[in-house]
Every structure is written in C-alpha cells, then in structure tokens.
N, C-alpha and C. Protein backbone atom coordinates (compact mmCIF):
# COMPACT_ATOMS: atom_id res chain seq x y z
N MET A 1 -60.35 -80.81 17.58
CA MET A 1 -61.36 -81.47 16.78
C MET A 1 -61.03 -81.35 15.29
N ASN A 2 -60.51 -80.20 14.92
CA ASN A 2 -60.17 -79.97 13.52
C ASN A 2 -59.08 -80.92 13.05
N ASN A 3 -58.09 -81.18 13.92
CA ASN A 3 -57.01 -82.11 13.59
C ASN A 3 -57.54 -83.53 13.44
N LEU A 4 -58.52 -83.90 14.24
CA LEU A 4 -59.11 -85.23 14.16
C LEU A 4 -59.79 -85.43 12.80
N LYS A 5 -60.47 -84.40 12.32
CA LYS A 5 -61.12 -84.48 11.00
C LYS A 5 -60.07 -84.66 9.90
N LYS A 6 -58.96 -83.93 10.03
CA LYS A 6 -57.90 -84.04 9.04
C LYS A 6 -57.30 -85.45 9.04
N ILE A 7 -57.09 -86.02 10.20
CA ILE A 7 -56.52 -87.37 10.30
C ILE A 7 -57.47 -88.40 9.70
N ILE A 8 -58.75 -88.27 10.00
CA ILE A 8 -59.75 -89.22 9.45
C ILE A 8 -59.81 -89.08 7.94
N LEU A 9 -59.83 -87.87 7.45
CA LEU A 9 -59.87 -87.63 6.01
C LEU A 9 -58.63 -88.21 5.33
N ALA A 10 -57.46 -88.00 5.91
CA ALA A 10 -56.21 -88.54 5.36
C ALA A 10 -56.23 -90.06 5.38
N SER A 11 -56.80 -90.66 6.42
CA SER A 11 -56.89 -92.12 6.52
C SER A 11 -57.76 -92.68 5.40
N PHE A 12 -58.91 -92.05 5.15
CA PHE A 12 -59.79 -92.51 4.07
C PHE A 12 -59.10 -92.36 2.71
N PHE A 13 -58.37 -91.30 2.56
CA PHE A 13 -57.64 -91.07 1.30
C PHE A 13 -56.61 -92.17 1.08
N LEU A 14 -55.82 -92.48 2.12
CA LEU A 14 -54.81 -93.54 2.01
C LEU A 14 -55.45 -94.90 1.77
N LEU A 15 -56.56 -95.18 2.44
CA LEU A 15 -57.25 -96.45 2.21
C LEU A 15 -57.76 -96.55 0.78
N GLY A 16 -58.21 -95.46 0.24
CA GLY A 16 -58.67 -95.43 -1.15
C GLY A 16 -57.54 -95.74 -2.12
N ILE A 17 -56.39 -95.15 -1.87
CA ILE A 17 -55.22 -95.40 -2.72
C ILE A 17 -54.79 -96.86 -2.63
N ILE A 18 -54.70 -97.37 -1.41
CA ILE A 18 -54.31 -98.76 -1.21
C ILE A 18 -55.32 -99.70 -1.85
N GLY A 19 -56.58 -99.42 -1.69
CA GLY A 19 -57.62 -100.26 -2.28
C GLY A 19 -57.53 -100.29 -3.79
N ASN A 20 -57.28 -99.13 -4.39
CA ASN A 20 -57.14 -99.07 -5.85
C ASN A 20 -55.92 -99.83 -6.34
N SER A 21 -54.81 -99.74 -5.62
CA SER A 21 -53.59 -100.39 -6.08
C SER A 21 -53.69 -101.90 -5.97
N VAL A 22 -54.44 -102.41 -5.02
CA VAL A 22 -54.61 -103.85 -4.87
C VAL A 22 -55.42 -104.40 -6.03
N ALA A 23 -56.35 -103.66 -6.53
CA ALA A 23 -57.24 -104.13 -7.59
C ALA A 23 -56.60 -104.08 -8.97
N GLN A 24 -55.46 -103.47 -9.10
CA GLN A 24 -54.84 -103.33 -10.41
C GLN A 24 -54.08 -104.59 -10.80
N LYS A 25 -54.17 -104.94 -12.09
CA LYS A 25 -53.44 -106.09 -12.62
C LYS A 25 -52.17 -105.60 -13.30
N TYR A 26 -51.11 -106.32 -13.09
CA TYR A 26 -49.85 -105.92 -13.69
C TYR A 26 -49.08 -107.14 -14.17
N ALA A 27 -48.15 -106.89 -15.06
CA ALA A 27 -47.29 -107.93 -15.61
C ALA A 27 -45.99 -107.26 -16.05
N PHE A 28 -45.07 -108.06 -16.53
CA PHE A 28 -43.86 -107.49 -17.08
C PHE A 28 -43.45 -108.28 -18.31
N VAL A 29 -42.64 -107.66 -19.12
CA VAL A 29 -42.04 -108.31 -20.28
C VAL A 29 -40.55 -107.99 -20.30
N ASP A 30 -39.82 -108.79 -21.01
CA ASP A 30 -38.39 -108.55 -21.19
C ASP A 30 -38.18 -108.26 -22.67
N THR A 31 -38.12 -106.98 -23.03
CA THR A 31 -38.03 -106.63 -24.45
C THR A 31 -36.72 -107.11 -25.08
N LYS A 32 -35.67 -107.21 -24.29
CA LYS A 32 -34.41 -107.74 -24.82
C LYS A 32 -34.62 -109.19 -25.24
N TYR A 33 -35.27 -109.98 -24.41
CA TYR A 33 -35.56 -111.38 -24.73
C TYR A 33 -36.45 -111.47 -25.97
N ILE A 34 -37.46 -110.61 -26.03
CA ILE A 34 -38.37 -110.61 -27.18
C ILE A 34 -37.60 -110.29 -28.46
N LEU A 35 -36.80 -109.23 -28.42
CA LEU A 35 -36.02 -108.84 -29.60
C LEU A 35 -35.06 -109.95 -30.03
N ASP A 36 -34.40 -110.57 -29.06
CA ASP A 36 -33.45 -111.65 -29.37
C ASP A 36 -34.13 -112.84 -30.02
N ASN A 37 -35.43 -112.98 -29.83
CA ASN A 37 -36.17 -114.11 -30.39
C ASN A 37 -37.00 -113.73 -31.62
N MET A 38 -36.72 -112.58 -32.17
CA MET A 38 -37.41 -112.14 -33.39
C MET A 38 -36.41 -112.16 -34.56
N PRO A 39 -36.64 -113.03 -35.54
CA PRO A 39 -35.73 -113.08 -36.69
C PRO A 39 -35.63 -111.74 -37.42
N SER A 40 -36.71 -110.99 -37.47
CA SER A 40 -36.67 -109.69 -38.16
C SER A 40 -35.71 -108.73 -37.47
N TYR A 41 -35.63 -108.80 -36.14
CA TYR A 41 -34.72 -107.94 -35.40
C TYR A 41 -33.27 -108.36 -35.65
N THR A 42 -33.03 -109.67 -35.63
CA THR A 42 -31.68 -110.19 -35.88
C THR A 42 -31.21 -109.76 -37.26
N GLU A 43 -32.10 -109.86 -38.24
CA GLU A 43 -31.78 -109.47 -39.61
C GLU A 43 -31.51 -107.96 -39.70
N ALA A 44 -32.36 -107.16 -39.06
CA ALA A 44 -32.19 -105.71 -39.07
C ALA A 44 -30.89 -105.31 -38.39
N GLN A 45 -30.57 -105.97 -37.29
CA GLN A 45 -29.34 -105.67 -36.56
C GLN A 45 -28.12 -106.02 -37.40
N LYS A 46 -28.19 -107.13 -38.14
CA LYS A 46 -27.08 -107.51 -39.02
C LYS A 46 -26.89 -106.46 -40.13
N LYS A 47 -28.00 -106.01 -40.72
CA LYS A 47 -27.91 -104.97 -41.75
C LYS A 47 -27.27 -103.71 -41.18
N LEU A 48 -27.69 -103.35 -39.98
CA LEU A 48 -27.15 -102.17 -39.32
C LEU A 48 -25.65 -102.32 -39.06
N ASP A 49 -25.25 -103.49 -38.57
CA ASP A 49 -23.84 -103.75 -38.31
C ASP A 49 -23.02 -103.70 -39.61
N ASP A 50 -23.58 -104.26 -40.69
CA ASP A 50 -22.88 -104.26 -41.98
C ASP A 50 -22.68 -102.84 -42.49
N VAL A 51 -23.71 -102.02 -42.39
CA VAL A 51 -23.62 -100.63 -42.83
C VAL A 51 -22.59 -99.87 -41.99
N ALA A 52 -22.64 -100.07 -40.68
CA ALA A 52 -21.69 -99.38 -39.79
C ALA A 52 -20.26 -99.81 -40.10
N GLU A 53 -20.07 -101.09 -40.36
CA GLU A 53 -18.73 -101.59 -40.69
C GLU A 53 -18.23 -100.99 -42.01
N LYS A 54 -19.11 -100.90 -43.01
CA LYS A 54 -18.76 -100.30 -44.30
C LYS A 54 -18.34 -98.85 -44.11
N TRP A 55 -19.12 -98.10 -43.34
CA TRP A 55 -18.81 -96.69 -43.11
C TRP A 55 -17.52 -96.53 -42.31
N GLN A 56 -17.30 -97.42 -41.36
CA GLN A 56 -16.08 -97.36 -40.55
C GLN A 56 -14.86 -97.61 -41.43
N LYS A 57 -14.96 -98.58 -42.35
CA LYS A 57 -13.85 -98.86 -43.27
C LYS A 57 -13.58 -97.66 -44.17
N GLU A 58 -14.65 -96.99 -44.61
CA GLU A 58 -14.51 -95.80 -45.44
C GLU A 58 -13.71 -94.72 -44.69
N ILE A 59 -14.05 -94.52 -43.43
CA ILE A 59 -13.35 -93.52 -42.60
C ILE A 59 -11.91 -93.94 -42.36
N GLU A 60 -11.70 -95.22 -42.05
CA GLU A 60 -10.34 -95.70 -41.81
C GLU A 60 -9.46 -95.53 -43.05
N GLN A 61 -10.03 -95.75 -44.23
CA GLN A 61 -9.29 -95.56 -45.48
C GLN A 61 -8.85 -94.11 -45.63
N LYS A 62 -9.76 -93.20 -45.33
CA LYS A 62 -9.43 -91.77 -45.44
C LYS A 62 -8.36 -91.39 -44.41
N LEU A 63 -8.44 -91.95 -43.20
CA LEU A 63 -7.43 -91.68 -42.18
C LEU A 63 -6.07 -92.22 -42.60
N LYS A 64 -6.07 -93.36 -43.25
CA LYS A 64 -4.82 -93.95 -43.74
C LYS A 64 -4.20 -93.04 -44.81
N GLU A 65 -5.03 -92.50 -45.70
CA GLU A 65 -4.54 -91.57 -46.72
C GLU A 65 -3.91 -90.34 -46.07
N ILE A 66 -4.56 -89.82 -45.04
CA ILE A 66 -4.02 -88.64 -44.33
C ILE A 66 -2.68 -89.00 -43.68
N GLU A 67 -2.61 -90.17 -43.08
CA GLU A 67 -1.37 -90.60 -42.43
C GLU A 67 -0.23 -90.71 -43.45
N GLU A 68 -0.55 -91.25 -44.63
CA GLU A 68 0.46 -91.37 -45.68
C GLU A 68 0.92 -89.99 -46.16
N LYS A 69 -0.02 -89.07 -46.29
CA LYS A 69 0.33 -87.70 -46.71
C LYS A 69 1.21 -87.03 -45.64
N ASN A 70 0.89 -87.28 -44.38
CA ASN A 70 1.70 -86.73 -43.28
C ASN A 70 3.12 -87.28 -43.32
N LYS A 71 3.24 -88.59 -43.53
CA LYS A 71 4.58 -89.20 -43.60
C LYS A 71 5.38 -88.62 -44.76
N LYS A 72 4.71 -88.50 -45.90
CA LYS A 72 5.38 -87.95 -47.08
C LYS A 72 5.82 -86.51 -46.82
N LEU A 73 4.94 -85.74 -46.17
CA LEU A 73 5.28 -84.35 -45.85
C LEU A 73 6.48 -84.29 -44.91
N GLN A 74 6.52 -85.16 -43.91
CA GLN A 74 7.64 -85.17 -42.96
C GLN A 74 8.96 -85.48 -43.66
N GLN A 75 8.88 -86.36 -44.67
CA GLN A 75 10.09 -86.71 -45.41
C GLN A 75 10.58 -85.54 -46.28
N GLU A 76 9.64 -84.77 -46.83
CA GLU A 76 9.97 -83.68 -47.73
C GLU A 76 10.10 -82.33 -47.03
N LEU A 77 9.81 -82.27 -45.77
CA LEU A 77 9.71 -81.02 -45.03
C LEU A 77 10.94 -80.12 -45.18
N ILE A 78 12.09 -80.69 -45.09
CA ILE A 78 13.34 -79.91 -45.13
C ILE A 78 13.56 -79.32 -46.53
N LEU A 79 13.16 -80.05 -47.55
CA LEU A 79 13.43 -79.64 -48.93
C LEU A 79 12.41 -78.67 -49.50
N LEU A 80 11.23 -78.60 -48.91
CA LEU A 80 10.15 -77.78 -49.47
C LEU A 80 10.30 -76.30 -49.11
N PRO A 81 9.97 -75.44 -50.07
CA PRO A 81 9.91 -74.00 -49.74
C PRO A 81 8.74 -73.74 -48.78
N ALA A 82 8.78 -72.67 -48.06
CA ALA A 82 7.78 -72.36 -47.03
C ALA A 82 6.36 -72.32 -47.58
N ASP A 83 6.16 -71.70 -48.74
CA ASP A 83 4.80 -71.61 -49.28
C ASP A 83 4.26 -72.99 -49.68
N GLU A 84 5.13 -73.84 -50.23
CA GLU A 84 4.72 -75.20 -50.61
C GLU A 84 4.40 -76.03 -49.35
N LYS A 85 5.25 -75.86 -48.32
CA LYS A 85 5.05 -76.57 -47.05
C LYS A 85 3.70 -76.16 -46.44
N ASN A 86 3.42 -74.87 -46.41
CA ASN A 86 2.16 -74.37 -45.85
C ASN A 86 0.96 -74.88 -46.65
N LYS A 87 1.13 -74.94 -47.96
CA LYS A 87 0.06 -75.44 -48.83
C LYS A 87 -0.27 -76.91 -48.50
N LYS A 88 0.77 -77.74 -48.34
CA LYS A 88 0.57 -79.16 -48.03
C LYS A 88 -0.02 -79.35 -46.63
N ILE A 89 0.43 -78.55 -45.68
CA ILE A 89 -0.11 -78.62 -44.31
C ILE A 89 -1.59 -78.24 -44.32
N ALA A 90 -1.94 -77.21 -45.05
CA ALA A 90 -3.34 -76.79 -45.15
C ALA A 90 -4.19 -77.88 -45.82
N GLU A 91 -3.62 -78.51 -46.83
CA GLU A 91 -4.32 -79.59 -47.53
C GLU A 91 -4.61 -80.75 -46.56
N ILE A 92 -3.63 -81.10 -45.75
CA ILE A 92 -3.80 -82.19 -44.77
C ILE A 92 -4.83 -81.81 -43.72
N LYS A 93 -4.77 -80.57 -43.24
CA LYS A 93 -5.76 -80.12 -42.25
C LYS A 93 -7.17 -80.16 -42.84
N GLU A 94 -7.28 -79.78 -44.11
CA GLU A 94 -8.57 -79.82 -44.79
C GLU A 94 -9.10 -81.26 -44.87
N LEU A 95 -8.21 -82.19 -45.19
CA LEU A 95 -8.61 -83.60 -45.24
C LEU A 95 -9.03 -84.11 -43.86
N GLU A 96 -8.29 -83.69 -42.83
CA GLU A 96 -8.64 -84.10 -41.46
C GLU A 96 -10.02 -83.58 -41.06
N GLU A 97 -10.29 -82.33 -41.42
CA GLU A 97 -11.61 -81.75 -41.13
C GLU A 97 -12.71 -82.49 -41.88
N ALA A 98 -12.43 -82.86 -43.12
CA ALA A 98 -13.40 -83.60 -43.92
C ALA A 98 -13.71 -84.96 -43.28
N VAL A 99 -12.68 -85.61 -42.75
CA VAL A 99 -12.89 -86.90 -42.09
C VAL A 99 -13.71 -86.72 -40.81
N LYS A 100 -13.41 -85.68 -40.06
CA LYS A 100 -14.20 -85.40 -38.85
C LYS A 100 -15.66 -85.17 -39.20
N GLU A 101 -15.90 -84.43 -40.26
CA GLU A 101 -17.28 -84.17 -40.71
C GLU A 101 -17.96 -85.46 -41.16
N LEU A 102 -17.20 -86.31 -41.85
CA LEU A 102 -17.75 -87.60 -42.31
C LEU A 102 -18.10 -88.47 -41.10
N GLN A 103 -17.21 -88.51 -40.09
CA GLN A 103 -17.50 -89.27 -38.87
C GLN A 103 -18.78 -88.76 -38.20
N LYS A 104 -18.88 -87.44 -38.12
CA LYS A 104 -20.06 -86.83 -37.51
C LYS A 104 -21.31 -87.16 -38.32
N LYS A 105 -21.18 -87.08 -39.65
CA LYS A 105 -22.32 -87.36 -40.54
C LYS A 105 -22.76 -88.82 -40.41
N ARG A 106 -21.81 -89.73 -40.33
CA ARG A 106 -22.14 -91.16 -40.26
C ARG A 106 -22.55 -91.60 -38.86
N PHE A 107 -21.77 -91.20 -37.85
CA PHE A 107 -21.95 -91.75 -36.51
C PHE A 107 -22.37 -90.74 -35.46
N GLY A 108 -22.64 -89.51 -35.86
CA GLY A 108 -23.03 -88.47 -34.91
C GLY A 108 -24.41 -88.70 -34.32
N VAL A 109 -24.81 -87.81 -33.44
CA VAL A 109 -26.07 -87.93 -32.71
C VAL A 109 -27.27 -88.13 -33.64
N ASN A 110 -27.38 -87.34 -34.67
CA ASN A 110 -28.46 -87.51 -35.64
C ASN A 110 -27.91 -87.92 -36.99
N GLY A 111 -26.84 -88.71 -36.95
CA GLY A 111 -26.15 -89.11 -38.17
C GLY A 111 -26.86 -90.23 -38.93
N ASP A 112 -26.20 -90.67 -39.97
CA ASP A 112 -26.76 -91.69 -40.86
C ASP A 112 -27.05 -93.00 -40.12
N LEU A 113 -26.16 -93.38 -39.19
CA LEU A 113 -26.39 -94.63 -38.45
C LEU A 113 -27.64 -94.52 -37.58
N PHE A 114 -27.82 -93.38 -36.95
CA PHE A 114 -29.02 -93.14 -36.13
C PHE A 114 -30.27 -93.24 -37.00
N LYS A 115 -30.22 -92.63 -38.18
CA LYS A 115 -31.37 -92.65 -39.10
C LYS A 115 -31.64 -94.07 -39.60
N LYS A 116 -30.57 -94.80 -39.91
CA LYS A 116 -30.71 -96.17 -40.39
C LYS A 116 -31.29 -97.06 -39.28
N ARG A 117 -30.81 -96.85 -38.06
CA ARG A 117 -31.34 -97.63 -36.92
C ARG A 117 -32.83 -97.35 -36.75
N LYS A 118 -33.19 -96.10 -36.85
CA LYS A 118 -34.60 -95.72 -36.73
C LYS A 118 -35.42 -96.38 -37.84
N GLU A 119 -34.90 -96.37 -39.05
CA GLU A 119 -35.58 -96.97 -40.20
C GLU A 119 -35.76 -98.48 -40.04
N LEU A 120 -34.74 -99.16 -39.52
CA LEU A 120 -34.78 -100.62 -39.43
C LEU A 120 -35.39 -101.14 -38.13
N ILE A 121 -35.11 -100.49 -37.02
CA ILE A 121 -35.48 -101.02 -35.71
C ILE A 121 -36.82 -100.49 -35.22
N GLU A 122 -37.13 -99.25 -35.51
CA GLU A 122 -38.37 -98.65 -35.00
C GLU A 122 -39.64 -99.43 -35.39
N PRO A 123 -39.76 -99.92 -36.64
CA PRO A 123 -40.96 -100.70 -36.96
C PRO A 123 -41.09 -101.97 -36.12
N ILE A 124 -39.96 -102.57 -35.79
CA ILE A 124 -39.98 -103.78 -34.95
C ILE A 124 -40.41 -103.41 -33.53
N GLN A 125 -39.89 -102.31 -33.02
CA GLN A 125 -40.29 -101.85 -31.68
C GLN A 125 -41.78 -101.50 -31.66
N ASP A 126 -42.27 -100.90 -32.74
CA ASP A 126 -43.70 -100.58 -32.83
C ASP A 126 -44.54 -101.86 -32.81
N GLU A 127 -44.05 -102.88 -33.49
CA GLU A 127 -44.75 -104.17 -33.52
C GLU A 127 -44.83 -104.77 -32.11
N ILE A 128 -43.75 -104.68 -31.37
CA ILE A 128 -43.73 -105.18 -29.99
C ILE A 128 -44.71 -104.38 -29.13
N TYR A 129 -44.67 -103.05 -29.28
CA TYR A 129 -45.56 -102.19 -28.50
C TYR A 129 -47.03 -102.53 -28.78
N LYS A 130 -47.36 -102.74 -30.06
CA LYS A 130 -48.74 -103.08 -30.41
C LYS A 130 -49.15 -104.41 -29.79
N ALA A 131 -48.25 -105.38 -29.80
CA ALA A 131 -48.54 -106.69 -29.21
C ALA A 131 -48.72 -106.56 -27.69
N ILE A 132 -47.90 -105.75 -27.05
CA ILE A 132 -48.02 -105.54 -25.60
C ILE A 132 -49.34 -104.84 -25.28
N LYS A 133 -49.66 -103.84 -26.07
CA LYS A 133 -50.92 -103.11 -25.88
C LYS A 133 -52.13 -104.04 -26.07
N ALA A 134 -52.07 -104.89 -27.09
CA ALA A 134 -53.16 -105.84 -27.35
C ALA A 134 -53.28 -106.83 -26.20
N LEU A 135 -52.15 -107.32 -25.69
CA LEU A 135 -52.17 -108.25 -24.56
C LEU A 135 -52.76 -107.58 -23.33
N ALA A 136 -52.36 -106.34 -23.08
CA ALA A 136 -52.88 -105.61 -21.91
C ALA A 136 -54.39 -105.44 -22.01
N LYS A 137 -54.85 -105.11 -23.18
CA LYS A 137 -56.29 -104.91 -23.37
C LYS A 137 -57.03 -106.24 -23.23
N GLU A 138 -56.49 -107.27 -23.85
CA GLU A 138 -57.11 -108.60 -23.84
C GLU A 138 -57.18 -109.18 -22.42
N LYS A 139 -56.11 -109.04 -21.65
CA LYS A 139 -56.03 -109.64 -20.31
C LYS A 139 -56.40 -108.68 -19.19
N GLY A 140 -56.65 -107.41 -19.53
CA GLY A 140 -57.06 -106.43 -18.53
C GLY A 140 -55.94 -105.95 -17.62
N TYR A 141 -54.72 -105.86 -18.15
CA TYR A 141 -53.60 -105.38 -17.33
C TYR A 141 -53.63 -103.85 -17.27
N ASP A 142 -53.37 -103.34 -16.08
CA ASP A 142 -53.27 -101.90 -15.89
C ASP A 142 -51.85 -101.41 -16.15
N PHE A 143 -50.86 -102.27 -15.84
CA PHE A 143 -49.46 -101.94 -16.02
C PHE A 143 -48.74 -103.13 -16.64
N ILE A 144 -47.90 -102.85 -17.62
CA ILE A 144 -46.95 -103.85 -18.10
C ILE A 144 -45.61 -103.14 -18.11
N MET A 145 -44.70 -103.64 -17.28
CA MET A 145 -43.38 -103.02 -17.14
C MET A 145 -42.36 -103.79 -17.96
N ASP A 146 -41.28 -103.13 -18.30
CA ASP A 146 -40.22 -103.75 -19.08
C ASP A 146 -39.06 -104.12 -18.17
N LYS A 147 -38.72 -105.38 -18.16
CA LYS A 147 -37.60 -105.87 -17.36
C LYS A 147 -36.31 -105.86 -18.18
N GLY A 148 -36.40 -105.50 -19.45
CA GLY A 148 -35.25 -105.53 -20.36
C GLY A 148 -34.16 -104.58 -19.96
N THR A 149 -33.36 -104.20 -20.91
CA THR A 149 -32.20 -103.34 -20.65
C THR A 149 -32.61 -102.02 -20.01
N ASN A 150 -31.73 -101.49 -19.19
CA ASN A 150 -31.92 -100.21 -18.50
C ASN A 150 -33.15 -100.19 -17.60
N SER A 151 -33.46 -101.31 -17.00
CA SER A 151 -34.62 -101.40 -16.12
C SER A 151 -34.20 -101.21 -14.68
N ASN A 152 -35.10 -100.65 -13.90
CA ASN A 152 -34.85 -100.51 -12.47
C ASN A 152 -35.52 -101.63 -11.68
N ILE A 153 -36.09 -102.60 -12.38
CA ILE A 153 -36.75 -103.71 -11.70
C ILE A 153 -35.67 -104.68 -11.23
N LEU A 154 -35.62 -104.91 -9.93
CA LEU A 154 -34.58 -105.75 -9.35
C LEU A 154 -34.98 -107.21 -9.25
N PHE A 155 -36.25 -107.47 -9.05
CA PHE A 155 -36.73 -108.85 -8.96
C PHE A 155 -38.13 -108.94 -9.55
N THR A 156 -38.40 -110.05 -10.21
CA THR A 156 -39.73 -110.30 -10.73
C THR A 156 -40.07 -111.77 -10.53
N ASN A 157 -41.31 -112.01 -10.23
CA ASN A 157 -41.79 -113.38 -10.13
C ASN A 157 -42.06 -113.85 -11.56
N PRO A 158 -41.45 -114.96 -11.97
CA PRO A 158 -41.61 -115.43 -13.36
C PRO A 158 -43.06 -115.65 -13.79
N LYS A 159 -43.96 -115.85 -12.83
CA LYS A 159 -45.36 -116.08 -13.23
C LYS A 159 -45.99 -114.82 -13.84
N TYR A 160 -45.37 -113.66 -13.62
CA TYR A 160 -45.90 -112.42 -14.19
C TYR A 160 -45.21 -112.03 -15.50
N ASP A 161 -44.26 -112.86 -15.94
CA ASP A 161 -43.54 -112.58 -17.19
C ASP A 161 -44.41 -112.97 -18.38
N LYS A 162 -44.73 -112.01 -19.20
CA LYS A 162 -45.62 -112.24 -20.35
C LYS A 162 -44.86 -112.12 -21.67
N SER A 163 -43.55 -112.23 -21.63
CA SER A 163 -42.72 -112.09 -22.83
C SER A 163 -43.09 -113.12 -23.90
N GLU A 164 -43.30 -114.37 -23.49
CA GLU A 164 -43.66 -115.43 -24.45
C GLU A 164 -45.01 -115.14 -25.10
N GLN A 165 -45.94 -114.63 -24.31
CA GLN A 165 -47.25 -114.30 -24.87
C GLN A 165 -47.13 -113.17 -25.90
N VAL A 166 -46.27 -112.20 -25.62
CA VAL A 166 -46.05 -111.11 -26.58
C VAL A 166 -45.45 -111.66 -27.86
N LEU A 167 -44.46 -112.55 -27.73
CA LEU A 167 -43.86 -113.16 -28.91
C LEU A 167 -44.90 -113.93 -29.75
N ARG A 168 -45.78 -114.66 -29.07
CA ARG A 168 -46.83 -115.40 -29.78
C ARG A 168 -47.76 -114.43 -30.52
N LYS A 169 -48.09 -113.31 -29.88
CA LYS A 169 -48.95 -112.31 -30.53
C LYS A 169 -48.29 -111.73 -31.78
N ILE A 170 -46.99 -111.50 -31.70
CA ILE A 170 -46.26 -110.94 -32.83
C ILE A 170 -46.24 -111.94 -33.99
N LYS A 171 -46.08 -113.21 -33.67
CA LYS A 171 -45.97 -114.25 -34.70
C LYS A 171 -47.31 -114.61 -35.33
N GLN A 172 -48.43 -114.14 -34.75
CA GLN A 172 -49.76 -114.46 -35.30
C GLN A 172 -49.97 -113.84 -36.65
C-alpha cells in the first residue's frame, strides 16, 4: 500500500511538471543575425579590427628589428670578443622578452584588445539584452533562447524566431 501511495504521488508530481511546461511561452532569437544587422556593431567591430591590426603591426615591427639584430650578430659572431657577444645576446633576449610582454599586454586574456572589445561591444550586447527583456515582458514569454553562435539548438520553427522584433525594438 505504501508503494501505491508513492506511485500516485509521483504521478501527480509529473503531471504538475508537464502541465506547467505546456503553459509556458517561449521564443528564440539569433543574436548573430541581430548583431550583423546593427550598424553600431559593424562600426564597433571595424574599430576593433583597426586597433588590433595597428597593434599587430607594432609587434611585427619589433620582431623584424630583433631578426635584423640576430642577423647582424650572426655576421659578427666570429669577430666579437666573448663579453661583447654575451652583451649582444642578452640585449636580443631582452628585446624578445619585451615583445612577448607586449603581445601579452595587447592580445592576452585580459589584455588591451579584450578591454577594448568590452568597451565597444558590451554596450551593444546590453542594448540587445534590454530589447529581448522588453519583448519577453511585453509578449509574456517565459523563455527566449539564443540560436546564435555556440548554441545547442539543432532545429527551430521559424514562427518562433523573434530576431526581427528585437531589431525593431532596438531601432525605436
């Protein structure tokens, strides 16, 4: 008898969960599509690319200088006294370390590029989030999922795609 009570209780619990999930409204958006259709994002991405290219050229120039110093050292290696040779080798190693530090500073995990991306892109992402939140509140959605990059959603019915509505909200 005790097992029967447990089974009935579990059945009511499952029916409650199923009943709640049926009543929920959901939609999806494609944030990649939204971003691609926002001029502010395109402009921010171009600025970011330009800055990254400038910094990359700066690093490449320094690497070229190191390469030239190495070539010069190789040519003079036989003629240089040991202390002079060691001094030049140390100088080159110091320059190499400086370039590694510059690369890390510019392109590292919390480097300048990361900070610049946060400065330029985060406000746009916040704008999208606010528009999605407003749409959810306005239309009574319980869930809005992202079909954009890195999504685990394999299929979506286009009638549930609210990306255009989000774009319209942003442009208001």
